[in-house]
Full PDB file with SEQRES, HELIX, SHEET, SSBOND, CRYST1, ORIGX, SCALE, CONECT and MASTER records, all heavy atoms in Angstrom:
SEQRES   1 A   44  GLU VAL ALA GLY SER SER GLY PRO ALA LEU ILE LEU ARG          
SEQRES   2 A   44  SER VAL PHE ASN GLU LEU ASN ARG GLY ARG ASP VAL ARG          
SEQRES   3 A   44  PRO LEU TYR PHE SER ASP ALA LEU ILE LYS ARG ARG VAL          
SEQRES   4 A   44  CYS ILE ASP ASP ALA                                          
HELIX    1 AA1 PRO A    8  LEU A   19  1                                  12    
CRYST1    1.000    1.000    1.000  90.00  90.00  90.00 P 1           1          
ORIGX1      1.000000  0.000000  0.000000        0.00000                         
ORIGX2      0.000000  1.000000  0.000000        0.00000                         
ORIGX3      0.000000  0.000000  1.000000        0.00000                         
SCALE1      1.000000  0.000000  0.000000        0.00000                         
SCALE2      0.000000  1.000000  0.000000        0.00000                         
SCALE3      0.000000  0.000000  1.000000        0.00000                         
ATOM      1  N   GLU A   1     109.598  82.874  88.466  1.00  0.00           N  
ATOM      2  CA  GLU A   1     109.530  83.140  89.904  1.00  0.00           C  
ATOM      3  C   GLU A   1     109.056  84.552  90.248  1.00  0.00           C  
ATOM      4  O   GLU A   1     109.588  85.198  91.143  1.00  0.00           O  
ATOM      5  CB  GLU A   1     110.866  82.819  90.563  1.00  0.00           C  
ATOM      6  CG  GLU A   1     111.213  81.345  90.424  1.00  0.00           C  
ATOM      7  CD  GLU A   1     112.429  80.948  91.242  1.00  0.00           C  
ATOM      8  OE1 GLU A   1     112.808  81.676  92.175  1.00  0.00           O  
ATOM      9  OE2 GLU A   1     112.992  79.889  90.936  1.00  0.00           O  
ATOM     10  N   VAL A   2     108.045  85.035  89.532  1.00  0.00           N  
ATOM     11  CA  VAL A   2     107.428  86.324  89.844  1.00  0.00           C  
ATOM     12  C   VAL A   2     106.243  86.050  90.761  1.00  0.00           C  
ATOM     13  O   VAL A   2     105.315  85.345  90.392  1.00  0.00           O  
ATOM     14  CB  VAL A   2     106.956  87.061  88.578  1.00  0.00           C  
ATOM     15  CG1 VAL A   2     106.223  88.335  88.943  1.00  0.00           C  
ATOM     16  CG2 VAL A   2     108.140  87.357  87.667  1.00  0.00           C  
ATOM     17  N   ALA A   3     106.307  86.564  91.978  1.00  0.00           N  
ATOM     18  CA  ALA A   3     105.229  86.408  92.950  1.00  0.00           C  
ATOM     19  C   ALA A   3     104.571  87.766  93.178  1.00  0.00           C  
ATOM     20  O   ALA A   3     105.059  88.791  92.701  1.00  0.00           O  
ATOM     21  CB  ALA A   3     105.791  85.848  94.257  1.00  0.00           C  
ATOM     22  N   GLY A   4     103.467  87.779  93.924  1.00  0.00           N  
ATOM     23  CA  GLY A   4     102.754  89.022  94.191  1.00  0.00           C  
ATOM     24  C   GLY A   4     103.615  90.086  94.827  1.00  0.00           C  
ATOM     25  O   GLY A   4     103.517  91.269  94.505  1.00  0.00           O  
ATOM     26  N   SER A   5     104.512  89.671  95.732  1.00  0.00           N  
ATOM     27  CA  SER A   5     105.346  90.654  96.434  1.00  0.00           C  
ATOM     28  C   SER A   5     106.526  91.147  95.596  1.00  0.00           C  
ATOM     29  O   SER A   5     107.051  92.225  95.842  1.00  0.00           O  
ATOM     30  CB  SER A   5     105.870  90.061  97.742  1.00  0.00           C  
ATOM     31  OG  SER A   5     106.657  88.915  97.470  1.00  0.00           O  
ATOM     32  N   SER A   6     106.924  90.373  94.592  1.00  0.00           N  
ATOM     33  CA  SER A   6     108.092  90.785  93.805  1.00  0.00           C  
ATOM     34  C   SER A   6     107.730  91.419  92.468  1.00  0.00           C  
ATOM     35  O   SER A   6     108.596  91.928  91.779  1.00  0.00           O  
ATOM     36  CB  SER A   6     109.006  89.575  93.543  1.00  0.00           C  
ATOM     37  OG  SER A   6     108.328  88.602  92.767  1.00  0.00           O  
ATOM     38  N   GLY A   7     106.462  91.399  92.106  1.00  0.00           N  
ATOM     39  CA  GLY A   7     106.051  91.991  90.839  1.00  0.00           C  
ATOM     40  C   GLY A   7     104.935  92.991  91.018  1.00  0.00           C  
ATOM     41  O   GLY A   7     105.159  94.206  91.064  1.00  0.00           O  
ATOM     42  N   PRO A   8     103.697  92.517  91.142  1.00  0.00           N  
ATOM     43  CA  PRO A   8     102.556  93.421  91.207  1.00  0.00           C  
ATOM     44  C   PRO A   8     102.586  94.382  92.390  1.00  0.00           C  
ATOM     45  O   PRO A   8     102.123  95.518  92.269  1.00  0.00           O  
ATOM     46  CB  PRO A   8     101.344  92.494  91.312  1.00  0.00           C  
ATOM     47  CG  PRO A   8     101.816  91.143  91.026  1.00  0.00           C  
ATOM     48  CD  PRO A   8     103.288  91.124  91.098  1.00  0.00           C  
ATOM     49  N   ALA A   9     103.138  93.974  93.515  1.00  0.00           N  
ATOM     50  CA  ALA A   9     103.175  94.879  94.676  1.00  0.00           C  
ATOM     51  C   ALA A   9     104.026  96.107  94.387  1.00  0.00           C  
ATOM     52  O   ALA A   9     103.700  97.216  94.827  1.00  0.00           O  
ATOM     53  CB  ALA A   9     103.695  94.148  95.908  1.00  0.00           C  
ATOM     54  N   LEU A  10     105.093  95.930  93.641  1.00  0.00           N  
ATOM     55  CA  LEU A  10     105.942  97.072  93.289  1.00  0.00           C  
ATOM     56  C   LEU A  10     105.202  98.015  92.341  1.00  0.00           C  
ATOM     57  O   LEU A  10     105.294  99.242  92.465  1.00  0.00           O  
ATOM     58  CB  LEU A  10     107.251  96.586  92.659  1.00  0.00           C  
ATOM     59  CG  LEU A  10     108.102  95.657  93.545  1.00  0.00           C  
ATOM     60  CD1 LEU A  10     109.297  95.121  92.758  1.00  0.00           C  
ATOM     61  CD2 LEU A  10     108.546  96.377  94.796  1.00  0.00           C  
ATOM     62  N   ILE A  11     104.448  97.438  91.407  1.00  0.00           N  
ATOM     63  CA  ILE A  11     103.642  98.259  90.496  1.00  0.00           C  
ATOM     64  C   ILE A  11     102.546  98.971  91.278  1.00  0.00           C  
ATOM     65  O   ILE A  11     102.292 100.160  91.080  1.00  0.00           O  
ATOM     66  CB  ILE A  11     103.046  97.394  89.369  1.00  0.00           C  
ATOM     67  CG1 ILE A  11     104.177  96.826  88.495  1.00  0.00           C  
ATOM     68  CG2 ILE A  11     102.047  98.187  88.529  1.00  0.00           C  
ATOM     69  CD1 ILE A  11     103.721  95.768  87.515  1.00  0.00           C  
ATOM     70  N   LEU A  12     101.897  98.237  92.186  1.00  0.00           N  
ATOM     71  CA  LEU A  12     100.837  98.805  93.015  1.00  0.00           C  
ATOM     72  C   LEU A  12     101.345 100.016  93.796  1.00  0.00           C  
ATOM     73  O   LEU A  12     100.685 101.050  93.852  1.00  0.00           O  
ATOM     74  CB  LEU A  12     100.305  97.738  93.973  1.00  0.00           C  
ATOM     75  CG  LEU A  12      99.118  98.094  94.846  1.00  0.00           C  
ATOM     76  CD1 LEU A  12      97.872  98.281  94.005  1.00  0.00           C  
ATOM     77  CD2 LEU A  12      98.897  97.007  95.883  1.00  0.00           C  
ATOM     78  N   ARG A  13     102.518  99.901  94.362  1.00  0.00           N  
ATOM     79  CA  ARG A  13     103.107 101.021  95.112  1.00  0.00           C  
ATOM     80  C   ARG A  13     103.317 102.227  94.193  1.00  0.00           C  
ATOM     81  O   ARG A  13     103.011 103.364  94.566  1.00  0.00           O  
ATOM     82  CB  ARG A  13     104.430 100.583  95.727  1.00  0.00           C  
ATOM     83  CG  ARG A  13     105.078 101.643  96.539  1.00  0.00           C  
ATOM     84  CD  ARG A  13     106.337 101.140  97.165  1.00  0.00           C  
ATOM     85  NE  ARG A  13     106.970 102.199  97.914  1.00  0.00           N  
ATOM     86  CZ  ARG A  13     108.167 102.116  98.430  1.00  0.00           C  
ATOM     87  NH1 ARG A  13     108.865 101.016  98.304  1.00  0.00           N  
ATOM     88  NH2 ARG A  13     108.689 103.121  99.078  1.00  0.00           N  
ATOM     89  N   SER A  14     103.806 101.985  93.001  1.00  0.00           N  
ATOM     90  CA  SER A  14     104.028 103.088  92.049  1.00  0.00           C  
ATOM     91  C   SER A  14     102.713 103.729  91.628  1.00  0.00           C  
ATOM     92  O   SER A  14     102.620 104.951  91.499  1.00  0.00           O  
ATOM     93  CB  SER A  14     104.763 102.576  90.800  1.00  0.00           C  
ATOM     94  OG  SER A  14     106.047 102.128  91.144  1.00  0.00           O  
ATOM     95  N   VAL A  15     101.687 102.915  91.414  1.00  0.00           N  
ATOM     96  CA  VAL A  15     100.373 103.443  91.035  1.00  0.00           C  
ATOM     97  C   VAL A  15      99.832 104.346  92.140  1.00  0.00           C  
ATOM     98  O   VAL A  15      99.353 105.452  91.879  1.00  0.00           O  
ATOM     99  CB  VAL A  15      99.386 102.298  90.716  1.00  0.00           C  
ATOM    100  CG1 VAL A  15      97.963 102.818  90.592  1.00  0.00           C  
ATOM    101  CG2 VAL A  15      99.810 101.575  89.433  1.00  0.00           C  
ATOM    102  N   PHE A  16      99.917 103.887  93.393  1.00  0.00           N  
ATOM    103  CA  PHE A  16      99.423 104.708  94.497  1.00  0.00           C  
ATOM    104  C   PHE A  16     100.253 105.987  94.668  1.00  0.00           C  
ATOM    105  O   PHE A  16      99.698 107.040  94.993  1.00  0.00           O  
ATOM    106  CB  PHE A  16      99.382 103.922  95.809  1.00  0.00           C  
ATOM    107  CG  PHE A  16      98.080 103.191  95.992  1.00  0.00           C  
ATOM    108  CD1 PHE A  16      98.019 101.826  95.850  1.00  0.00           C  
ATOM    109  CD2 PHE A  16      96.914 103.884  96.286  1.00  0.00           C  
ATOM    110  CE1 PHE A  16      96.821 101.156  96.010  1.00  0.00           C  
ATOM    111  CE2 PHE A  16      95.710 103.219  96.442  1.00  0.00           C  
ATOM    112  CZ  PHE A  16      95.666 101.853  96.302  1.00  0.00           C  
ATOM    113  N   ASN A  17     101.540 105.910  94.456  1.00  0.00           N  
ATOM    114  CA  ASN A  17     102.360 107.124  94.518  1.00  0.00           C  
ATOM    115  C   ASN A  17     101.873 108.152  93.499  1.00  0.00           C  
ATOM    116  O   ASN A  17     101.787 109.343  93.788  1.00  0.00           O  
ATOM    117  CB  ASN A  17     103.834 106.807  94.279  1.00  0.00           C  
ATOM    118  CG  ASN A  17     104.501 106.192  95.475  1.00  0.00           C  
ATOM    119  OD1 ASN A  17     104.008 106.287  96.598  1.00  0.00           O  
ATOM    120  ND2 ASN A  17     105.619 105.517  95.252  1.00  0.00           N  
ATOM    121  N   GLU A  18     101.529 107.690  92.306  1.00  0.00           N  
ATOM    122  CA  GLU A  18     101.054 108.595  91.261  1.00  0.00           C  
ATOM    123  C   GLU A  18      99.641 109.115  91.563  1.00  0.00           C  
ATOM    124  O   GLU A  18      99.371 110.297  91.412  1.00  0.00           O  
ATOM    125  CB  GLU A  18     101.078 107.883  89.904  1.00  0.00           C  
ATOM    126  CG  GLU A  18     100.833 108.780  88.731  1.00  0.00           C  
ATOM    127  CD  GLU A  18     101.867 109.899  88.593  1.00  0.00           C  
ATOM    128  OE1 GLU A  18     103.049 109.708  88.936  1.00  0.00           O  
ATOM    129  OE2 GLU A  18     101.466 110.998  88.144  1.00  0.00           O  
ATOM    130  N   LEU A  19      98.752 108.211  92.004  1.00  0.00           N  
ATOM    131  CA  LEU A  19      97.380 108.623  92.318  1.00  0.00           C  
ATOM    132  C   LEU A  19      97.327 109.638  93.458  1.00  0.00           C  
ATOM    133  O   LEU A  19      96.460 110.510  93.487  1.00  0.00           O  
ATOM    134  CB  LEU A  19      96.522 107.403  92.694  1.00  0.00           C  
ATOM    135  CG  LEU A  19      96.167 106.441  91.569  1.00  0.00           C  
ATOM    136  CD1 LEU A  19      95.493 105.192  92.132  1.00  0.00           C  
ATOM    137  CD2 LEU A  19      95.248 107.119  90.551  1.00  0.00           C  
ATOM    138  N   ASN A  20      98.222 109.504  94.404  1.00  0.00           N  
ATOM    139  CA  ASN A  20      98.193 110.363  95.591  1.00  0.00           C  
ATOM    140  C   ASN A  20      99.088 111.593  95.479  1.00  0.00           C  
ATOM    141  O   ASN A  20      99.164 112.394  96.411  1.00  0.00           O  
ATOM    142  CB  ASN A  20      98.593 109.555  96.827  1.00  0.00           C  
ATOM    143  CG  ASN A  20      97.577 108.485  97.142  1.00  0.00           C  
ATOM    144  OD1 ASN A  20      96.386 108.691  96.990  1.00  0.00           O  
ATOM    145  ND2 ASN A  20      98.057 107.329  97.553  1.00  0.00           N  
ATOM    146  N   ARG A  21      99.742 111.759  94.331  1.00  0.00           N  
ATOM    147  CA  ARG A  21     100.610 112.909  94.137  1.00  0.00           C  
ATOM    148  C   ARG A  21      99.794 114.199  94.241  1.00  0.00           C  
ATOM    149  O   ARG A  21      98.747 114.344  93.622  1.00  0.00           O  
ATOM    150  CB  ARG A  21     101.276 112.856  92.766  1.00  0.00           C  
ATOM    151  CG  ARG A  21     102.271 113.995  92.545  1.00  0.00           C  
ATOM    152  CD  ARG A  21     102.824 113.947  91.160  1.00  0.00           C  
ATOM    153  NE  ARG A  21     103.435 112.625  90.966  1.00  0.00           N  
ATOM    154  CZ  ARG A  21     104.432 112.403  90.143  1.00  0.00           C  
ATOM    155  NH1 ARG A  21     104.914 113.370  89.429  1.00  0.00           N  
ATOM    156  NH2 ARG A  21     104.928 111.198  90.020  1.00  0.00           N  
ATOM    157  N   GLY A  22     100.216 115.110  95.081  1.00  0.00           N  
ATOM    158  CA  GLY A  22      99.581 116.416  95.205  1.00  0.00           C  
ATOM    159  C   GLY A  22      98.279 116.404  95.998  1.00  0.00           C  
ATOM    160  O   GLY A  22      97.520 117.373  95.949  1.00  0.00           O  
ATOM    161  N   ARG A  23      97.978 115.352  96.720  1.00  0.00           N  
ATOM    162  CA  ARG A  23      96.771 115.340  97.549  1.00  0.00           C  
ATOM    163  C   ARG A  23      97.110 114.780  98.929  1.00  0.00           C  
ATOM    164  O   ARG A  23      98.034 113.991  99.085  1.00  0.00           O  
ATOM    165  CB  ARG A  23      95.638 114.541  96.911  1.00  0.00           C  
ATOM    166  CG  ARG A  23      95.726 113.050  97.052  1.00  0.00           C  
ATOM    167  CD  ARG A  23      94.479 112.358  96.474  1.00  0.00           C  
ATOM    168  NE  ARG A  23      94.352 111.004  96.979  1.00  0.00           N  
ATOM    169  CZ  ARG A  23      93.655 110.647  98.048  1.00  0.00           C  
ATOM    170  NH1 ARG A  23      93.009 111.545  98.748  1.00  0.00           N  
ATOM    171  NH2 ARG A  23      93.594 109.395  98.424  1.00  0.00           N  
ATOM    172  N   ASP A  24      96.341 115.216  99.909  1.00  0.00           N  
ATOM    173  CA  ASP A  24      96.516 114.706 101.267  1.00  0.00           C  
ATOM    174  C   ASP A  24      95.750 113.403 101.413  1.00  0.00           C  
ATOM    175  O   ASP A  24      94.558 113.340 101.115  1.00  0.00           O  
ATOM    176  CB  ASP A  24      95.993 115.711 102.305  1.00  0.00           C  
ATOM    177  CG  ASP A  24      96.867 116.952 102.374  1.00  0.00           C  
ATOM    178  OD1 ASP A  24      98.089 116.828 102.137  1.00  0.00           O  
ATOM    179  OD2 ASP A  24      96.327 118.039 102.646  1.00  0.00           O  
ATOM    180  N   VAL A  25      96.439 112.364 101.851  1.00  0.00           N  
ATOM    181  CA  VAL A  25      95.798 111.069 102.095  1.00  0.00           C  
ATOM    182  C   VAL A  25      95.193 111.101 103.488  1.00  0.00           C  
ATOM    183  O   VAL A  25      95.835 111.515 104.450  1.00  0.00           O  
ATOM    184  CB  VAL A  25      96.825 109.921 101.973  1.00  0.00           C  
ATOM    185  CG1 VAL A  25      96.166 108.591 102.268  1.00  0.00           C  
ATOM    186  CG2 VAL A  25      97.437 109.916 100.581  1.00  0.00           C  
ATOM    187  N   ARG A  26      93.939 110.690 103.579  1.00  0.00           N  
ATOM    188  CA  ARG A  26      93.234 110.690 104.862  1.00  0.00           C  
ATOM    189  C   ARG A  26      93.160 109.278 105.418  1.00  0.00           C  
ATOM    190  O   ARG A  26      93.256 108.302 104.675  1.00  0.00           O  
ATOM    191  CB  ARG A  26      91.820 111.243 104.679  1.00  0.00           C  
ATOM    192  CG  ARG A  26      91.805 112.706 104.242  1.00  0.00           C  
ATOM    193  CD  ARG A  26      90.397 113.194 104.122  1.00  0.00           C  
ATOM    194  NE  ARG A  26      89.625 112.257 103.299  1.00  0.00           N  
ATOM    195  CZ  ARG A  26      88.633 112.592 102.514  1.00  0.00           C  
ATOM    196  NH1 ARG A  26      88.236 113.830 102.440  1.00  0.00           N  
ATOM    197  NH2 ARG A  26      87.993 111.700 101.798  1.00  0.00           N  
ATOM    198  N   PRO A  27      92.921 109.161 106.736  1.00  0.00           N  
ATOM    199  CA  PRO A  27      92.731 107.825 107.316  1.00  0.00           C  
ATOM    200  C   PRO A  27      91.482 107.167 106.724  1.00  0.00           C  
ATOM    201  O   PRO A  27      90.575 107.856 106.256  1.00  0.00           O  
ATOM    202  CB  PRO A  27      92.535 108.083 108.810  1.00  0.00           C  
ATOM    203  CG  PRO A  27      92.925 109.495 109.044  1.00  0.00           C  
ATOM    204  CD  PRO A  27      92.872 110.213 107.738  1.00  0.00           C  
ATOM    205  N   LEU A  28      91.434 105.853 106.764  1.00  0.00           N  
ATOM    206  CA  LEU A  28      90.268 105.137 106.273  1.00  0.00           C  
ATOM    207  C   LEU A  28      89.073 105.408 107.171  1.00  0.00           C  
ATOM    208  O   LEU A  28      89.206 105.621 108.375  1.00  0.00           O  
ATOM    209  CB  LEU A  28      90.546 103.634 106.244  1.00  0.00           C  
ATOM    210  CG  LEU A  28      91.638 103.189 105.282  1.00  0.00           C  
ATOM    211  CD1 LEU A  28      91.901 101.700 105.445  1.00  0.00           C  
ATOM    212  CD2 LEU A  28      91.242 103.491 103.847  1.00  0.00           C  
ATOM    213  N   TYR A  29      87.887 105.384 106.581  1.00  0.00           N  
ATOM    214  CA  TYR A  29      86.645 105.560 107.321  1.00  0.00           C  
ATOM    215  C   TYR A  29      86.503 104.409 108.314  1.00  0.00           C  
ATOM    216  O   TYR A  29      86.714 103.240 107.977  1.00  0.00           O  
ATOM    217  CB  TYR A  29      85.464 105.587 106.354  1.00  0.00           C  
ATOM    218  CG  TYR A  29      84.124 105.529 107.043  1.00  0.00           C  
ATOM    219  CD1 TYR A  29      83.624 106.635 107.721  1.00  0.00           C  
ATOM    220  CD2 TYR A  29      83.370 104.365 107.043  1.00  0.00           C  
ATOM    221  CE1 TYR A  29      82.402 106.591 108.369  1.00  0.00           C  
ATOM    222  CE2 TYR A  29      82.146 104.312 107.683  1.00  0.00           C  
ATOM    223  CZ  TYR A  29      81.667 105.424 108.346  1.00  0.00           C  
ATOM    224  OH  TYR A  29      80.468 105.364 108.986  1.00  0.00           O  
ATOM    225  N   PHE A  30      86.126 104.714 109.531  1.00  0.00           N  
ATOM    226  CA  PHE A  30      85.927 103.710 110.564  1.00  0.00           C  
ATOM    227  C   PHE A  30      84.487 103.796 111.052  1.00  0.00           C  
ATOM    228  O   PHE A  30      84.107 104.749 111.721  1.00  0.00           O  
ATOM    229  CB  PHE A  30      86.908 103.951 111.723  1.00  0.00           C  
ATOM    230  CG  PHE A  30      87.031 102.778 112.638  1.00  0.00           C  
ATOM    231  CD1 PHE A  30      87.818 101.701 112.288  1.00  0.00           C  
ATOM    232  CD2 PHE A  30      86.346 102.753 113.835  1.00  0.00           C  
ATOM    233  CE1 PHE A  30      87.930 100.606 113.126  1.00  0.00           C  
ATOM    234  CE2 PHE A  30      86.446 101.669 114.678  1.00  0.00           C  
ATOM    235  CZ  PHE A  30      87.236 100.595 114.321  1.00  0.00           C  
ATOM    236  N   SER A  31      83.680 102.834 110.685  1.00  0.00           N  
ATOM    237  CA  SER A  31      82.250 102.858 110.969  1.00  0.00           C  
ATOM    238  C   SER A  31      81.949 102.680 112.454  1.00  0.00           C  
ATOM    239  O   SER A  31      82.574 101.869 113.136  1.00  0.00           O  
ATOM    240  CB  SER A  31      81.553 101.743 110.186  1.00  0.00           C  
ATOM    241  OG  SER A  31      80.210 101.654 110.568  1.00  0.00           O  
ATOM    242  N   ASP A  32      80.943 103.407 112.931  1.00  0.00           N  
ATOM    243  CA  ASP A  32      80.465 103.232 114.302  1.00  0.00           C  
ATOM    244  C   ASP A  32      79.752 101.899 114.486  1.00  0.00           C  
ATOM    245  O   ASP A  32      79.493 101.482 115.614  1.00  0.00           O  
ATOM    246  CB  ASP A  32      79.501 104.373 114.677  1.00  0.00           C  
ATOM    247  CG  ASP A  32      80.209 105.708 114.775  1.00  0.00           C  
ATOM    248  OD1 ASP A  32      81.433 105.720 115.032  1.00  0.00           O  
ATOM    249  OD2 ASP A  32      79.537 106.743 114.594  1.00  0.00           O  
ATOM    250  N   ALA A  33      79.412 101.233 113.375  1.00  0.00           N  
ATOM    251  CA  ALA A  33      78.722  99.946 113.454  1.00  0.00           C  
ATOM    252  C   ALA A  33      79.671  98.805 113.822  1.00  0.00           C  
ATOM    253  O   ALA A  33      79.235  97.691 114.073  1.00  0.00           O  
ATOM    254  CB  ALA A  33      78.040  99.640 112.137  1.00  0.00           C  
ATOM    255  N   LEU A  34      80.976  99.075 113.851  1.00  0.00           N  
ATOM    256  CA  LEU A  34      81.943  98.033 114.195  1.00  0.00           C  
ATOM    257  C   LEU A  34      82.056  97.868 115.704  1.00  0.00           C  
ATOM    258  O   LEU A  34      82.045  98.841 116.445  1.00  0.00           O  
ATOM    259  CB  LEU A  34      83.313  98.362 113.604  1.00  0.00           C  
ATOM    260  CG  LEU A  34      83.384  98.358 112.084  1.00  0.00           C  
ATOM    261  CD1 LEU A  34      84.751  98.836 111.614  1.00  0.00           C  
ATOM    262  CD2 LEU A  34      83.090  96.969 111.533  1.00  0.00           C  
ATOM    263  N   ILE A  35      82.169  96.620 116.124  1.00  0.00           N  
ATOM    264  CA  ILE A  35      82.281  96.288 117.544  1.00  0.00           C  
ATOM    265  C   ILE A  35      83.566  95.491 117.739  1.00  0.00           C  
ATOM    266  O   ILE A  35      83.817  94.524 117.017  1.00  0.00           O  
ATOM    267  CB  ILE A  35      81.080  95.429 117.998  1.00  0.00           C  
ATOM    268  CG1 ILE A  35      79.780  96.200 117.810  1.00  0.00           C  
ATOM    269  CG2 ILE A  35      81.256  94.968 119.431  1.00  0.00           C  
ATOM    270  CD1 ILE A  35      78.540  95.354 118.020  1.00  0.00           C  
ATOM    271  N   LYS A  36      84.363  95.897 118.728  1.00  0.00           N  
ATOM    272  CA  LYS A  36      85.608  95.175 119.010  1.00  0.00           C  
ATOM    273  C   LYS A  36      85.310  94.033 119.963  1.00  0.00           C  
ATOM    274  O   LYS A  36      84.655  94.217 120.984  1.00  0.00           O  
ATOM    275  CB  LYS A  36      86.657  96.116 119.604  1.00  0.00           C  
ATOM    276  CG  LYS A  36      87.992  95.420 119.830  1.00  0.00           C  
ATOM    277  CD  LYS A  36      89.166  96.346 120.044  1.00  0.00           C  
ATOM    278  CE  LYS A  36      89.045  97.240 121.222  1.00  0.00           C  
ATOM    279  NZ  LYS A  36      90.307  97.941 121.530  1.00  0.00           N  
ATOM    280  N   ARG A  37      85.795  92.816 119.602  1.00  0.00           N  
ATOM    281  CA  ARG A  37      85.630  91.635 120.437  1.00  0.00           C  
ATOM    282  C   ARG A  37      86.961  90.901 120.532  1.00  0.00           C  
ATOM    283  O   ARG A  37      87.733  90.887 119.594  1.00  0.00           O  
ATOM    284  CB  ARG A  37      84.591  90.672 119.849  1.00  0.00           C  
ATOM    285  CG  ARG A  37      83.183  91.181 119.889  1.00  0.00           C  
ATOM    286  CD  ARG A  37      82.621  91.051 121.308  1.00  0.00           C  
ATOM    287  NE  ARG A  37      81.218  91.352 121.342  1.00  0.00           N  
ATOM    288  CZ  ARG A  37      80.711  92.499 121.788  1.00  0.00           C  
ATOM    289  NH1 ARG A  37      81.497  93.450 122.218  1.00  0.00           N  
ATOM    290  NH2 ARG A  37      79.426  92.701 121.801  1.00  0.00           N  
ATOM    291  N   ARG A  38      87.196  90.299 121.670  1.00  0.00           N  
ATOM    292  CA  ARG A  38      88.382  89.468 121.884  1.00  0.00           C  
ATOM    293  C   ARG A  38      88.040  88.075 121.385  1.00  0.00           C  
ATOM    294  O   ARG A  38      87.001  87.515 121.765  1.00  0.00           O  
ATOM    295  CB  ARG A  38      88.727  89.437 123.372  1.00  0.00           C  
ATOM    296  CG  ARG A  38      90.089  88.942 123.625  1.00  0.00           C  
ATOM    297  CD  ARG A  38      90.958  90.147 124.011  1.00  0.00           C  
ATOM    298  NE  ARG A  38      92.322  89.730 124.153  1.00  0.00           N  
ATOM    299  CZ  ARG A  38      93.305  90.251 123.460  1.00  0.00           C  
ATOM    300  NH1 ARG A  38      93.075  91.239 122.637  1.00  0.00           N  
ATOM    301  NH2 ARG A  38      94.521  89.833 123.591  1.00  0.00           N  
ATOM    302  N   VAL A  39      88.851  87.508 120.487  1.00  0.00           N  
ATOM    303  CA  VAL A  39      88.581  86.180 119.931  1.00  0.00           C  
ATOM    304  C   VAL A  39      89.797  85.289 120.081  1.00  0.00           C  
ATOM    305  O   VAL A  39      90.938  85.753 120.138  1.00  0.00           O  
ATOM    306  CB  VAL A  39      88.169  86.241 118.439  1.00  0.00           C  
ATOM    307  CG1 VAL A  39      86.897  87.032 118.246  1.00  0.00           C  
ATOM    308  CG2 VAL A  39      89.279  86.801 117.583  1.00  0.00           C  
ATOM    309  N   CYS A  40      89.528  83.981 120.150  1.00  0.00           N  
ATOM    310  CA  CYS A  40      90.606  82.998 120.178  1.00  0.00           C  
ATOM    311  C   CYS A  40      91.253  82.944 118.796  1.00  0.00           C  
ATOM    312  O   CYS A  40      90.561  82.968 117.782  1.00  0.00           O  
ATOM    313  CB  CYS A  40      90.073  81.622 120.534  1.00  0.00           C  
ATOM    314  SG  CYS A  40      89.506  81.481 122.234  1.00  0.00           S  
ATOM    315  N   ILE A  41      92.567  82.856 118.765  1.00  0.00           N  
ATOM    316  CA  ILE A  41      93.280  82.794 117.491  1.00  0.00           C  
ATOM    317  C   ILE A  41      93.076  81.444 116.821  1.00  0.00           C  
ATOM    318  O   ILE A  41      92.917  81.357 115.618  1.00  0.00           O  
ATOM    319  CB  ILE A  41      94.779  83.084 117.696  1.00  0.00           C  
ATOM    320  CG1 ILE A  41      94.955  84.549 118.105  1.00  0.00           C  
ATOM    321  CG2 ILE A  41      95.584  82.754 116.446  1.00  0.00           C  
ATOM    322  CD1 ILE A  41      96.347  84.917 118.517  1.00  0.00           C  
ATOM    323  N   ASP A  42      93.003  80.360 117.604  1.00  0.00           N  
ATOM    324  CA  ASP A  42      92.937  79.032 117.008  1.00  0.00           C  
ATOM    325  C   ASP A  42      91.573  78.667 116.449  1.00  0.00           C  
ATOM    326  O   ASP A  42      91.466  77.954 115.489  1.00  0.00           O  
ATOM    327  CB  ASP A  42      93.394  77.962 117.987  1.00  0.00           C  
ATOM    328  CG  ASP A  42      92.556  77.924 119.259  1.00  0.00           C  
ATOM    329  OD1 ASP A  42      91.860  78.916 119.538  1.00  0.00           O  
ATOM    330  OD2 ASP A  42      92.600  76.905 119.968  1.00  0.00           O  
ATOM    331  N   ASP A  43      90.463  79.185 117.021  1.00  0.00           N  
ATOM    332  CA  ASP A  43      89.162  78.788 116.500  1.00  0.00           C  
ATOM    333  C   ASP A  43      88.158  79.925 116.380  1.00  0.00           C  
ATOM    334  O   ASP A  43      87.001  79.697 116.074  1.00  0.00           O  
ATOM    335  CB  ASP A  43      88.561  77.654 117.327  1.00  0.00           C  
ATOM    336  CG  ASP A  43      88.155  78.091 118.722  1.00  0.00           C  
ATOM    337  OD1 ASP A  43      88.294  79.287 119.043  1.00  0.00           O  
ATOM    338  OD2 ASP A  43      87.699  77.230 119.482  1.00  0.00           O  
ATOM    339  N   ALA A  44      88.567  81.155 116.599  1.00  0.00           N  
ATOM    340  CA  ALA A  44      87.734  82.356 116.436  1.00  0.00           C  
ATOM    341  C   ALA A  44      86.521  82.405 117.350  1.00  0.00           C  
ATOM    342  O   ALA A  44      85.606  83.156 117.118  1.00  0.00           O  
ATOM    343  CB  ALA A  44      87.294  82.517 114.982  1.00  0.00           C  
TER     344      ALA A  44                                                      
MASTER        0    0    0    1    0    0    0    6  343    1    0    4          
END                                                                             
């Protein structure tokens, strides 16, 4: 009964803690090419 949230996600969190140790994490890049649109949830 090992699922993604009970096994690999915990390892993933530890890996990121180690990778980001001693550095400032920045927000993700947000491209100007993206356009926000309102969509229906049931059929997009």
